[in-house]
Amino acid sequence: MALFIILGICLSCLSFIFLWNQHHGKGKLPPGPTPFPVVGNILQIVTKNIIKSLNMLAGEYGPVFTVYLGMKPTVVLHGYEVLKEALIDRGDEFSGKTQSSILSKVNQGLGIVFSNGETWKQTRRFSLTVLRSMGMGKKTIEDRIQQEALCLVKELRKNNGSPCDPDFLLACVPCNVISAVIFQHRFDYNDDTFKGLMNNFHRSIEILASAWIQLCSAFPVLYCLPGSHNEFFKISTEIKEFILKEIKRHQETLNLSSPQDFIDCFLIKIEKEKHNKNSEFTMENLVITIFDLFSAGTETTSTTMKYGLLFLLKHPEVTAKIREEIEQVIGRHRSPCMQDKNHMPYTNAVLHEIQRCIDLVPIPLPRETTQDVEFRGYHIPKGTRVMICLTSVLNDDKEFPHPEKFDPGHFLDERGNFKKSDYFMAFSAGRRACIGEGLAFMELFLTLTSILQHFTLKPLVNPEDIDTTPVQNGLLSLPPSYELCFIPV
């Protein structure tokens, strides 16, 4: 009984301190719903539909508001004008990455995605330089994608039009493309190591999309408990061990004057800076950087492809128009190339609309301010978490009439020409935008046009019965599982 009294007193004290802090800080941070002690606004935000909750709060408090995910404030940015101002016009001030997420724990402040300061600046700059030298955005990487697309077509033919789940095969293309850049080799689709790697990436995405991981990010103390986060840590360790084996193989054959891939270039950089005690180029940073490139360059692109095929099954009239463009521009006797994109406005519009509609990462993992920020009349202290609501831009009805509908016309002008939109922030925006955006689009265009060049897509149910609602709609929007038939043309 005494224990309960003591706990009650402690909780009351915590509640008083918490509420006093809120009152004391009032007028500095943007407005928001009144938080409960300890849990903050967690109970007011439906974890299975965070987007809906944030939209309602934005309607009440405006495009900049504060929520408490636990006891720490998070400033939410909602809408195009606010995101543009914060991420593009004032990108440096909002370029930090919070270290409370499960991914930041795995990456330990290294690599590209979750590093900060000099580690981020130097690693990102070096990685971009090397990736471009390895053909990123050039004909060499296009050739690799074309080769992988042909391998995919060959594998799909083996099904002889039988129903299949496209998940694994679609992931093989981006995985082998980034593997060629990083490791200088591709994997056979039947390779057991390759299959294990694909399974690990796929399972990781499922775990990251769960409500439990969102809760752990708000309350890091939960990492001490049993849960799917431990499976994620185990998978991450296995992927790192795979990367270390590849690095060791490269060390044995390294030619300092003739680097063959990303790993070689990074190893040479480590050697050049071995006497610099403050160097950011270490073996640990190499492992995490490869982890970032490999994971970001594989599962997100393949998920977009899988979701894209589902929309094409749902809308056969759209698929038919793409096939018309393929017949007119490419024909059946050569592989699609990136030059074709300029003559295929409808296909280009469809690919953009797919990415807009699936809203793959509706809320990127939180950033944080790198300094005290005066923003729209509010004071946001250095180190404050900042949540970016990309959905609010991709579904802005002023830019995209009827945003809930799949309509390639959102990216076409009155003459049927492709129309760019500043609201297309599928890869985020500013200095923290995904560095693989160009590569991802090349993979989407070349792979999906290759598929439609060689196959007719046949759903197993009537198109009107196909449900495109994501199975997870928190930090990630994942497509439901489905099967289809690839009927050879």
Protein backbone atom coordinates (compact mmCIF):
# COMPACT_ATOMS: atom_id res chain seq x y z
CA MET A 1 0.00 0.00 0.00
CA ALA A 2 2.83 2.35 0.88
CA LEU A 3 4.43 1.63 -2.50
CA PHE A 4 1.29 2.75 -4.33
CA ILE A 5 1.17 5.93 -2.27
CA ILE A 6 4.80 6.72 -3.11
CA LEU A 7 4.20 6.01 -6.79
CA GLY A 8 1.11 8.24 -6.71
CA ILE A 9 3.08 11.08 -5.12
CA CYS A 10 5.90 10.69 -7.69
CA LEU A 11 3.43 10.69 -10.57
CA SER A 12 1.71 13.77 -9.18
CA CYS A 13 5.06 15.56 -8.90
CA LEU A 14 5.98 14.60 -12.43
CA SER A 15 2.59 15.81 -13.63
CA PHE A 16 3.02 19.13 -11.84
CA ILE A 17 6.53 19.65 -13.21
CA PHE A 18 5.46 18.67 -16.70
CA LEU A 19 2.45 20.96 -16.76
CA TRP A 20 4.47 23.81 -15.23
CA ASN A 21 7.06 23.44 -17.98
CA GLN A 22 4.31 23.61 -20.59
CA HIS A 23 2.93 26.79 -19.04
CA HIS A 24 6.40 28.25 -18.62
CA GLY A 25 7.24 27.62 -22.24
CA LYS A 26 3.91 28.82 -23.58
CA GLY A 27 4.26 31.44 -26.28
CA LYS A 28 7.61 30.12 -27.49
CA LEU A 29 6.81 26.94 -29.35
CA PRO A 30 3.92 26.85 -31.85
CA PRO A 31 0.48 26.06 -30.37
CA GLY A 32 -0.92 22.57 -30.12
CA PRO A 33 -3.16 20.27 -28.13
CA THR A 34 -2.65 20.19 -24.36
CA PRO A 35 -0.42 17.21 -23.58
CA PHE A 36 -1.02 14.71 -20.82
CA PRO A 37 1.78 14.16 -18.30
CA VAL A 38 4.45 11.65 -19.38
CA VAL A 39 2.58 10.33 -22.46
CA GLY A 40 2.09 13.74 -24.05
CA ASN A 41 -0.34 13.65 -27.00
CA ILE A 42 0.13 9.98 -27.83
CA LEU A 43 -3.46 9.19 -26.81
CA GLN A 44 -4.76 11.96 -29.08
CA ILE A 45 -2.91 10.75 -32.15
CA VAL A 46 -4.29 7.53 -33.61
CA THR A 47 -1.14 5.51 -34.37
CA LYS A 48 -2.85 3.51 -37.14
CA ASN A 49 -3.77 6.70 -38.97
CA ILE A 50 -1.35 9.39 -37.90
CA ILE A 51 -1.97 11.32 -41.10
CA LYS A 52 -5.67 11.79 -40.35
CA SER A 53 -4.86 12.95 -36.82
CA LEU A 54 -2.26 15.46 -38.02
CA ASN A 55 -4.61 16.81 -40.70
CA MET A 56 -7.25 17.48 -38.03
CA LEU A 57 -4.72 19.19 -35.78
CA ALA A 58 -3.48 21.34 -38.68
CA GLY A 59 -7.06 22.39 -39.32
CA GLU A 60 -7.36 23.49 -35.69
CA TYR A 61 -3.93 24.99 -34.97
CA GLY A 62 -2.58 25.95 -38.39
CA PRO A 63 0.30 24.69 -40.58
CA VAL A 64 2.86 24.87 -37.76
CA PHE A 65 1.92 23.25 -34.46
CA THR A 66 3.42 21.30 -31.57
CA VAL A 67 2.62 17.82 -30.33
CA TYR A 68 4.28 15.87 -27.54
CA LEU A 69 5.23 12.32 -28.43
CA GLY A 70 6.15 11.45 -24.89
CA MET A 71 7.61 14.29 -22.82
CA LYS A 72 9.53 15.99 -25.64
CA PRO A 73 7.94 18.49 -28.02
CA THR A 74 7.76 17.83 -31.75
CA VAL A 75 7.02 20.69 -34.12
CA VAL A 76 4.89 19.56 -37.06
CA LEU A 77 5.17 21.25 -40.46
CA HIS A 78 2.05 20.84 -42.60
CA GLY A 79 1.46 22.14 -46.12
CA TYR A 80 3.55 23.16 -49.13
CA GLU A 81 4.35 26.77 -48.19
CA VAL A 82 5.63 25.82 -44.74
CA LEU A 83 7.66 22.85 -45.99
CA LYS A 84 9.21 24.92 -48.77
CA GLU A 85 10.20 27.66 -46.35
CA ALA A 86 11.68 25.24 -43.81
CA LEU A 87 13.29 22.60 -46.03
CA ILE A 88 14.37 24.62 -49.04
CA ASP A 89 14.59 28.31 -48.14
CA ARG A 90 15.99 27.63 -44.65
CA GLY A 91 17.28 24.12 -45.15
CA ASP A 92 20.39 24.40 -42.95
CA GLU A 93 18.35 25.26 -39.86
CA PHE A 94 16.13 22.19 -40.28
CA SER A 95 18.75 19.73 -41.55
CA GLY A 96 19.50 17.82 -38.34
CA LYS A 97 18.35 14.24 -37.77
CA THR A 98 16.99 13.12 -34.42
CA GLN A 99 18.79 10.23 -32.75
CA SER A 100 15.83 8.64 -30.96
CA SER A 101 14.57 6.39 -33.77
CA ILE A 102 15.36 2.70 -34.12
CA LEU A 103 17.32 3.38 -37.33
CA SER A 104 19.48 5.99 -35.64
CA LYS A 105 20.32 3.44 -32.95
CA VAL A 106 21.45 0.99 -35.61
CA ASN A 107 23.41 3.62 -37.53
CA GLN A 108 25.06 5.14 -34.44
CA GLY A 109 25.23 8.64 -35.93
CA LEU A 110 27.21 7.45 -38.98
CA GLY A 111 26.46 7.08 -42.68
CA ILE A 112 24.31 9.44 -44.73
CA VAL A 113 20.74 9.15 -43.50
CA PHE A 114 21.04 9.66 -39.73
CA SER A 115 24.35 11.43 -39.27
CA ASN A 116 24.70 15.10 -38.41
CA GLY A 117 27.30 17.85 -38.63
CA GLU A 118 30.62 17.16 -40.32
CA THR A 119 29.97 13.41 -40.47
CA TRP A 120 26.87 14.01 -42.57
CA LYS A 121 28.36 16.77 -44.73
CA GLN A 122 31.55 14.91 -45.60
CA THR A 123 30.00 11.48 -46.02
CA ARG A 124 27.17 12.78 -48.19
CA ARG A 125 29.48 14.90 -50.36
CA PHE A 126 31.94 12.05 -50.84
CA SER A 127 29.20 9.51 -51.57
CA LEU A 128 27.55 11.73 -54.18
CA THR A 129 30.89 12.31 -55.91
CA VAL A 130 31.69 8.60 -56.03
CA LEU A 131 28.21 7.54 -57.12
CA ARG A 132 28.34 10.02 -59.99
CA SER A 133 31.76 8.77 -61.01
CA MET A 134 30.32 5.24 -60.96
CA GLY A 135 27.64 6.26 -63.42
CA MET A 136 24.76 7.54 -61.29
CA GLY A 137 22.52 9.49 -63.64
CA LYS A 138 24.65 8.50 -66.65
CA LYS A 139 24.48 5.97 -69.48
CA THR A 140 26.53 3.40 -67.56
CA ILE A 141 23.97 3.03 -64.80
CA GLU A 142 21.19 3.07 -67.40
CA ASP A 143 22.83 0.08 -69.11
CA ARG A 144 22.87 -1.81 -65.81
CA ILE A 145 19.20 -1.13 -65.20
CA GLN A 146 18.34 -2.25 -68.73
CA GLN A 147 20.24 -5.50 -68.17
CA GLU A 148 18.43 -6.15 -64.91
CA ALA A 149 15.08 -5.35 -66.50
CA LEU A 150 15.80 -7.97 -69.17
CA CYS A 151 16.73 -10.48 -66.45
CA LEU A 152 13.42 -9.70 -64.76
CA VAL A 153 11.50 -10.23 -68.01
CA LYS A 154 13.27 -13.58 -68.48
CA GLU A 155 12.30 -14.69 -64.96
CA LEU A 156 8.69 -13.57 -65.40
CA ARG A 157 8.41 -15.62 -68.60
CA LYS A 158 9.21 -18.74 -66.60
CA ASN A 159 5.82 -18.40 -64.86
CA ASN A 160 4.07 -19.07 -68.22
CA GLY A 161 1.28 -16.70 -67.28
CA SER A 162 0.56 -18.42 -63.95
CA PRO A 163 -0.41 -16.32 -60.91
CA CYS A 164 2.55 -15.05 -58.92
CA ASP A 165 3.44 -12.60 -56.18
CA PRO A 166 5.77 -10.03 -57.85
CA ASP A 167 7.35 -8.93 -54.57
CA PHE A 168 10.68 -10.77 -54.69
CA LEU A 169 11.38 -10.39 -58.41
CA LEU A 170 10.66 -6.66 -58.40
CA ALA A 171 13.11 -6.20 -55.51
CA CYS A 172 15.84 -7.99 -57.46
CA VAL A 173 16.20 -5.17 -59.98
CA PRO A 174 17.08 -2.23 -57.68
CA CYS A 175 19.05 -4.51 -55.36
CA ASN A 176 21.30 -5.77 -58.16
CA VAL A 177 21.71 -2.27 -59.61
CA ILE A 178 22.95 -0.78 -56.33
CA SER A 179 24.96 -3.95 -55.70
CA ALA A 180 26.81 -3.44 -58.99
CA VAL A 181 27.69 0.12 -57.94
CA ILE A 182 28.80 -0.82 -54.43
CA PHE A 183 30.20 -4.34 -54.83
CA GLN A 184 30.95 -4.52 -58.59
CA HIS A 185 28.87 -7.67 -59.01
CA ARG A 186 25.26 -8.76 -59.24
CA PHE A 187 23.51 -11.76 -57.67
CA ASP A 188 21.74 -14.59 -59.36
CA TYR A 189 18.07 -14.57 -58.43
CA ASN A 190 18.38 -18.09 -57.02
CA ASP A 191 21.39 -17.30 -54.85
CA ASP A 192 20.61 -18.23 -51.22
CA THR A 193 22.56 -15.28 -49.82
CA PHE A 194 20.67 -12.96 -52.13
CA LYS A 195 17.32 -14.43 -51.09
CA GLY A 196 18.22 -14.06 -47.43
CA LEU A 197 19.22 -10.45 -48.00
CA MET A 198 15.93 -9.71 -49.77
CA ASN A 199 13.94 -11.34 -46.99
CA ASN A 200 15.79 -9.28 -44.40
CA PHE A 201 15.11 -6.01 -46.20
CA HIS A 202 11.45 -6.86 -46.66
CA ARG A 203 10.95 -7.83 -43.04
CA SER A 204 12.77 -4.68 -41.89
CA ILE A 205 10.31 -2.50 -43.78
CA GLU A 206 7.37 -4.33 -42.21
CA ILE A 207 8.80 -3.79 -38.73
CA LEU A 208 9.53 -0.12 -39.36
CA ALA A 209 5.94 0.42 -40.47
CA SER A 210 4.50 -0.99 -37.25
CA ALA A 211 2.82 1.06 -34.53
CA TRP A 212 5.16 -0.51 -31.96
CA ILE A 213 8.22 1.09 -33.55
CA GLN A 214 6.48 4.48 -33.55
CA LEU A 215 5.83 4.03 -29.84
CA CYS A 216 9.46 3.04 -29.19
CA SER A 217 10.67 6.18 -30.97
CA ALA A 218 8.54 8.27 -28.61
CA PHE A 219 9.58 6.27 -25.53
CA PRO A 220 13.12 4.89 -26.11
CA VAL A 221 12.99 3.14 -22.73
CA LEU A 222 10.74 0.55 -24.44
CA TYR A 223 13.75 -0.75 -26.35
CA CYS A 224 14.61 -2.62 -23.15
CA LEU A 225 11.45 -4.72 -23.48
CA PRO A 226 10.74 -7.71 -25.74
CA GLY A 227 9.29 -6.73 -29.10
CA SER A 228 9.77 -6.63 -32.87
CA HIS A 229 12.52 -4.03 -32.44
CA ASN A 230 14.80 -6.82 -31.25
CA GLU A 231 14.14 -8.70 -34.47
CA PHE A 232 15.05 -5.53 -36.36
CA PHE A 233 18.34 -5.24 -34.45
CA LYS A 234 19.09 -8.90 -35.28
CA ILE A 235 18.36 -8.37 -38.98
CA SER A 236 20.52 -5.22 -39.04
CA THR A 237 23.41 -7.16 -37.49
CA GLU A 238 23.11 -9.84 -40.18
CA ILE A 239 23.15 -7.23 -42.96
CA LYS A 240 26.21 -5.54 -41.42
CA GLU A 241 27.99 -8.90 -41.26
CA PHE A 242 27.26 -9.42 -44.95
CA ILE A 243 28.68 -5.96 -45.72
CA LEU A 244 31.81 -6.63 -43.65
CA LYS A 245 32.48 -9.80 -45.65
CA GLU A 246 32.25 -7.81 -48.87
CA ILE A 247 34.61 -5.17 -47.49
CA LYS A 248 37.12 -7.84 -46.47
CA ARG A 249 36.98 -9.31 -49.98
CA HIS A 250 37.68 -5.86 -51.40
CA GLN A 251 40.60 -5.27 -49.04
CA GLU A 252 42.28 -8.40 -50.36
CA THR A 253 42.13 -7.23 -54.00
CA LEU A 254 42.31 -3.44 -53.56
CA ASN A 255 44.32 -1.52 -56.15
CA LEU A 256 44.90 1.98 -54.79
CA SER A 257 45.31 3.42 -58.28
CA SER A 258 42.30 1.73 -59.85
CA PRO A 259 39.12 1.66 -57.75
CA GLN A 260 36.39 -0.54 -59.19
CA ASP A 261 33.39 0.38 -57.07
CA PHE A 262 32.12 2.39 -54.11
CA ILE A 263 33.85 0.23 -51.50
CA ASP A 264 37.21 0.59 -53.23
CA CYS A 265 36.86 4.38 -53.34
CA PHE A 266 35.96 4.56 -49.65
CA LEU A 267 38.83 2.25 -48.65
CA ILE A 268 41.25 4.44 -50.58
CA LYS A 269 39.85 7.51 -48.80
CA ILE A 270 40.38 5.75 -45.45
CA GLU A 271 43.98 5.03 -46.40
CA LYS A 272 44.62 8.63 -47.43
CA GLU A 273 43.28 9.94 -44.12
CA LYS A 274 44.70 7.29 -41.81
CA HIS A 275 46.89 9.84 -40.03
CA ASN A 276 43.97 12.22 -39.45
CA LYS A 277 42.59 11.39 -35.99
CA ASN A 278 39.45 13.42 -36.69
CA SER A 279 38.74 11.81 -40.05
CA GLU A 280 35.13 10.93 -40.77
CA PHE A 281 36.29 8.14 -43.08
CA THR A 282 36.50 5.08 -40.90
CA MET A 283 35.65 1.41 -41.32
CA GLU A 284 32.59 1.87 -39.10
CA ASN A 285 31.34 4.75 -41.25
CA LEU A 286 31.92 2.69 -44.40
CA VAL A 287 29.73 -0.13 -43.10
CA ILE A 288 26.88 2.20 -42.16
CA THR A 289 27.13 4.20 -45.39
CA ILE A 290 26.79 1.01 -47.43
CA PHE A 291 23.93 -0.06 -45.15
CA ASP A 292 22.18 3.24 -45.92
CA LEU A 293 22.74 3.06 -49.68
CA PHE A 294 21.79 -0.59 -49.92
CA SER A 295 18.62 -0.42 -47.84
CA ALA A 296 17.40 2.90 -49.22
CA GLY A 297 18.21 1.86 -52.78
CA THR A 298 16.39 -1.46 -52.66
CA GLU A 299 13.18 -1.80 -50.69
CA THR A 300 11.66 1.64 -51.28
CA THR A 301 12.00 1.38 -55.07
CA SER A 302 10.72 -2.20 -55.22
CA THR A 303 7.77 -1.29 -52.98
CA THR A 304 6.92 1.58 -55.32
CA MET A 305 7.06 -0.82 -58.30
CA LYS A 306 4.82 -3.33 -56.56
CA TYR A 307 2.33 -0.64 -55.58
CA GLY A 308 2.52 0.76 -59.11
CA LEU A 309 1.56 -2.56 -60.68
CA LEU A 310 -1.41 -2.75 -58.30
CA PHE A 311 -2.65 0.65 -59.52
CA LEU A 312 -2.20 -0.46 -63.14
CA LEU A 313 -4.27 -3.58 -62.43
CA LYS A 314 -6.91 -1.38 -60.83
CA HIS A 315 -6.94 1.00 -63.82
CA PRO A 316 -6.63 -1.05 -67.05
CA GLU A 317 -7.50 2.02 -69.12
CA VAL A 318 -4.31 3.68 -67.85
CA THR A 319 -2.26 0.58 -68.63
CA ALA A 320 -3.69 0.52 -72.17
CA LYS A 321 -2.58 4.14 -72.78
CA ILE A 322 0.95 3.37 -71.56
CA ARG A 323 1.11 0.39 -73.91
CA GLU A 324 0.05 2.66 -76.78
CA GLU A 325 2.97 4.99 -76.03
CA ILE A 326 5.33 2.03 -75.81
CA GLU A 327 4.16 0.80 -79.23
CA GLN A 328 4.53 4.26 -80.78
CA VAL A 329 7.85 5.28 -79.25
CA ILE A 330 9.75 2.08 -78.41
CA GLY A 331 8.14 -0.76 -80.29
CA ARG A 332 8.79 -4.39 -79.40
CA HIS A 333 12.28 -5.00 -80.70
CA ARG A 334 14.51 -2.82 -78.52
CA SER A 335 14.82 -2.11 -74.83
CA PRO A 336 13.37 1.11 -73.39
CA CYS A 337 15.92 3.85 -72.68
CA MET A 338 15.74 7.08 -70.73
CA GLN A 339 15.60 9.19 -73.90
CA ASP A 340 12.20 7.62 -74.54
CA LYS A 341 10.83 9.35 -71.44
CA ASN A 342 10.87 12.72 -73.21
CA HIS A 343 8.53 11.31 -75.87
CA MET A 344 6.24 9.49 -73.44
CA PRO A 345 4.49 12.21 -71.40
CA TYR A 346 1.60 10.00 -70.36
CA THR A 347 3.86 7.26 -69.00
CA ASN A 348 5.94 9.88 -67.20
CA ALA A 349 2.76 11.33 -65.68
CA VAL A 350 1.58 7.88 -64.56
CA LEU A 351 4.86 7.17 -62.77
CA HIS A 352 4.65 10.49 -60.94
CA GLU A 353 1.01 9.88 -60.06
CA ILE A 354 1.86 6.43 -58.70
CA GLN A 355 4.44 7.96 -56.37
CA ARG A 356 2.05 10.73 -55.36
CA CYS A 357 -0.81 8.36 -54.62
CA ILE A 358 1.09 5.69 -52.72
CA ASP A 359 2.70 8.36 -50.53
CA LEU A 360 5.34 5.80 -49.55
CA VAL A 361 6.88 7.80 -46.71
CA PRO A 362 4.06 10.10 -45.55
CA ILE A 363 6.05 11.22 -42.51
CA PRO A 364 9.84 10.87 -42.77
CA LEU A 365 11.58 10.09 -39.51
CA PRO A 366 11.91 13.33 -37.56
CA ARG A 367 14.51 15.96 -38.21
CA GLU A 368 15.75 18.40 -35.61
CA THR A 369 16.75 22.03 -35.64
CA THR A 370 20.50 22.65 -35.81
CA GLN A 371 20.22 26.01 -34.01
CA ASP A 372 17.66 28.22 -32.30
CA VAL A 373 15.14 29.10 -34.99
CA GLU A 374 12.69 31.98 -35.25
CA PHE A 375 10.04 30.60 -37.59
CA ARG A 376 6.75 32.28 -38.45
CA GLY A 377 6.66 34.13 -35.17
CA TYR A 378 7.58 31.12 -33.03
CA HIS A 379 10.79 30.27 -31.23
CA ILE A 380 12.02 26.72 -31.85
CA PRO A 381 15.06 25.86 -29.71
CA LYS A 382 18.08 24.06 -31.08
CA GLY A 383 17.64 20.28 -31.03
CA THR A 384 13.83 20.36 -31.23
CA ARG A 385 12.30 17.46 -33.14
CA VAL A 386 10.58 18.47 -36.37
CA MET A 387 8.00 16.27 -38.07
CA ILE A 388 7.42 16.80 -41.79
CA CYS A 389 4.04 15.84 -43.21
CA LEU A 390 4.72 15.09 -46.88
CA THR A 391 1.15 13.85 -47.33
CA SER A 392 -0.12 17.37 -46.84
CA VAL A 393 1.78 18.41 -49.97
CA LEU A 394 1.19 15.34 -52.14
CA ASN A 395 -2.55 15.56 -51.39
CA ASP A 396 -2.99 19.32 -51.65
CA ASP A 397 -6.29 19.79 -53.50
CA LYS A 398 -5.23 23.21 -54.79
CA GLU A 399 -2.46 21.57 -56.83
CA PHE A 400 -4.04 18.16 -57.35
CA PRO A 401 -7.83 18.31 -57.85
CA HIS A 402 -9.47 15.27 -56.25
CA PRO A 403 -6.18 14.11 -54.65
CA GLU A 404 -7.83 10.94 -53.35
CA LYS A 405 -8.22 9.69 -56.94
CA PHE A 406 -5.55 8.09 -59.11
CA ASP A 407 -5.39 10.50 -62.04
CA PRO A 408 -2.31 10.88 -64.30
CA GLY A 409 -3.90 14.14 -65.46
CA HIS A 410 -2.48 15.72 -62.32
CA PHE A 411 0.85 15.81 -64.19
CA LEU A 412 -0.40 16.68 -67.68
CA ASP A 413 -1.25 20.06 -69.17
CA GLU A 414 -4.21 20.78 -71.45
CA ARG A 415 -2.17 19.65 -74.49
CA GLY A 416 -1.20 16.33 -72.95
CA ASN A 417 2.39 17.36 -72.24
CA PHE A 418 4.07 16.36 -68.99
CA LYS A 419 3.68 19.04 -66.33
CA LYS A 420 6.16 19.34 -63.48
CA SER A 421 4.93 20.24 -60.01
CA ASP A 422 6.83 21.80 -57.12
CA TYR A 423 4.40 19.92 -54.89
CA PHE A 424 5.89 16.58 -55.95
CA MET A 425 7.91 15.89 -52.80
CA ALA A 426 7.83 12.10 -52.87
CA PHE A 427 11.56 12.11 -52.07
CA SER A 428 11.28 14.93 -49.53
CA ALA A 429 12.99 18.24 -50.33
CA GLY A 430 16.01 20.37 -49.54
CA ARG A 431 19.38 19.22 -48.32
CA ARG A 432 18.03 16.07 -46.69
CA ALA A 433 16.15 14.92 -49.78
CA CYS A 434 16.92 11.39 -50.96
CA ILE A 435 20.18 11.36 -52.95
CA GLY A 436 18.92 8.42 -55.02
CA GLU A 437 15.88 10.17 -56.52
CA GLY A 438 17.31 10.16 -60.05
CA LEU A 439 18.34 6.52 -59.85
CA ALA A 440 14.98 5.47 -58.44
CA PHE A 441 13.07 7.13 -61.27
CA MET A 442 15.31 5.52 -63.88
CA GLU A 443 14.63 2.13 -62.34
CA LEU A 444 10.88 2.77 -62.22
CA PHE A 445 10.68 3.96 -65.82
CA LEU A 446 12.90 1.31 -67.40
CA THR A 447 11.52 -1.59 -65.36
CA LEU A 448 7.80 -0.87 -65.69
CA THR A 449 8.02 -0.03 -69.39
CA SER A 450 10.00 -3.23 -69.97
CA ILE A 451 7.31 -5.24 -68.19
CA LEU A 452 4.47 -3.66 -70.19
CA GLN A 453 6.45 -4.05 -73.40
CA HIS A 454 6.57 -7.83 -72.93
CA PHE A 455 3.50 -8.68 -70.86
CA THR A 456 -0.18 -8.01 -70.40
CA LEU A 457 -1.10 -7.64 -66.74
CA LYS A 458 -4.01 -9.85 -65.71
CA PRO A 459 -5.57 -9.48 -62.24
CA LEU A 460 -7.07 -12.44 -60.41
CA VAL A 461 -10.20 -10.42 -59.52
CA ASN A 462 -12.25 -7.77 -61.26
CA PRO A 463 -10.36 -4.44 -61.36
CA GLU A 464 -13.17 -2.68 -59.47
CA ASP A 465 -12.71 -5.17 -56.60
CA ILE A 466 -9.00 -4.42 -56.20
CA ASP A 467 -8.26 -2.61 -52.94
CA THR A 468 -5.28 -0.25 -53.06
CA THR A 469 -5.57 0.84 -49.42
CA PRO A 470 -2.18 0.55 -47.69
CA VAL A 471 -1.85 -2.12 -45.02
CA GLN A 472 0.30 0.26 -42.96
CA ASN A 473 -0.24 4.00 -42.97
CA GLY A 474 2.05 5.40 -40.31
CA LEU A 475 5.68 6.10 -41.07
CA LEU A 476 5.39 3.94 -44.21
CA SER A 477 2.57 3.12 -46.61
CA LEU A 478 2.87 -0.52 -47.70
CA PRO A 479 0.74 -2.16 -50.39
CA PRO A 480 -1.45 -5.15 -49.61
CA SER A 481 -0.20 -8.56 -50.77
CA TYR A 482 -1.57 -9.65 -54.12
CA GLU A 483 -0.93 -11.93 -57.07
CA LEU A 484 -1.28 -11.33 -60.81
CA CYS A 485 -0.56 -13.04 -64.10
CA PHE A 486 2.10 -11.78 -66.50
CA ILE A 487 0.73 -12.89 -69.89
CA PRO A 488 3.47 -12.80 -72.58
CA VAL A 489 2.59 -10.51 -75.50
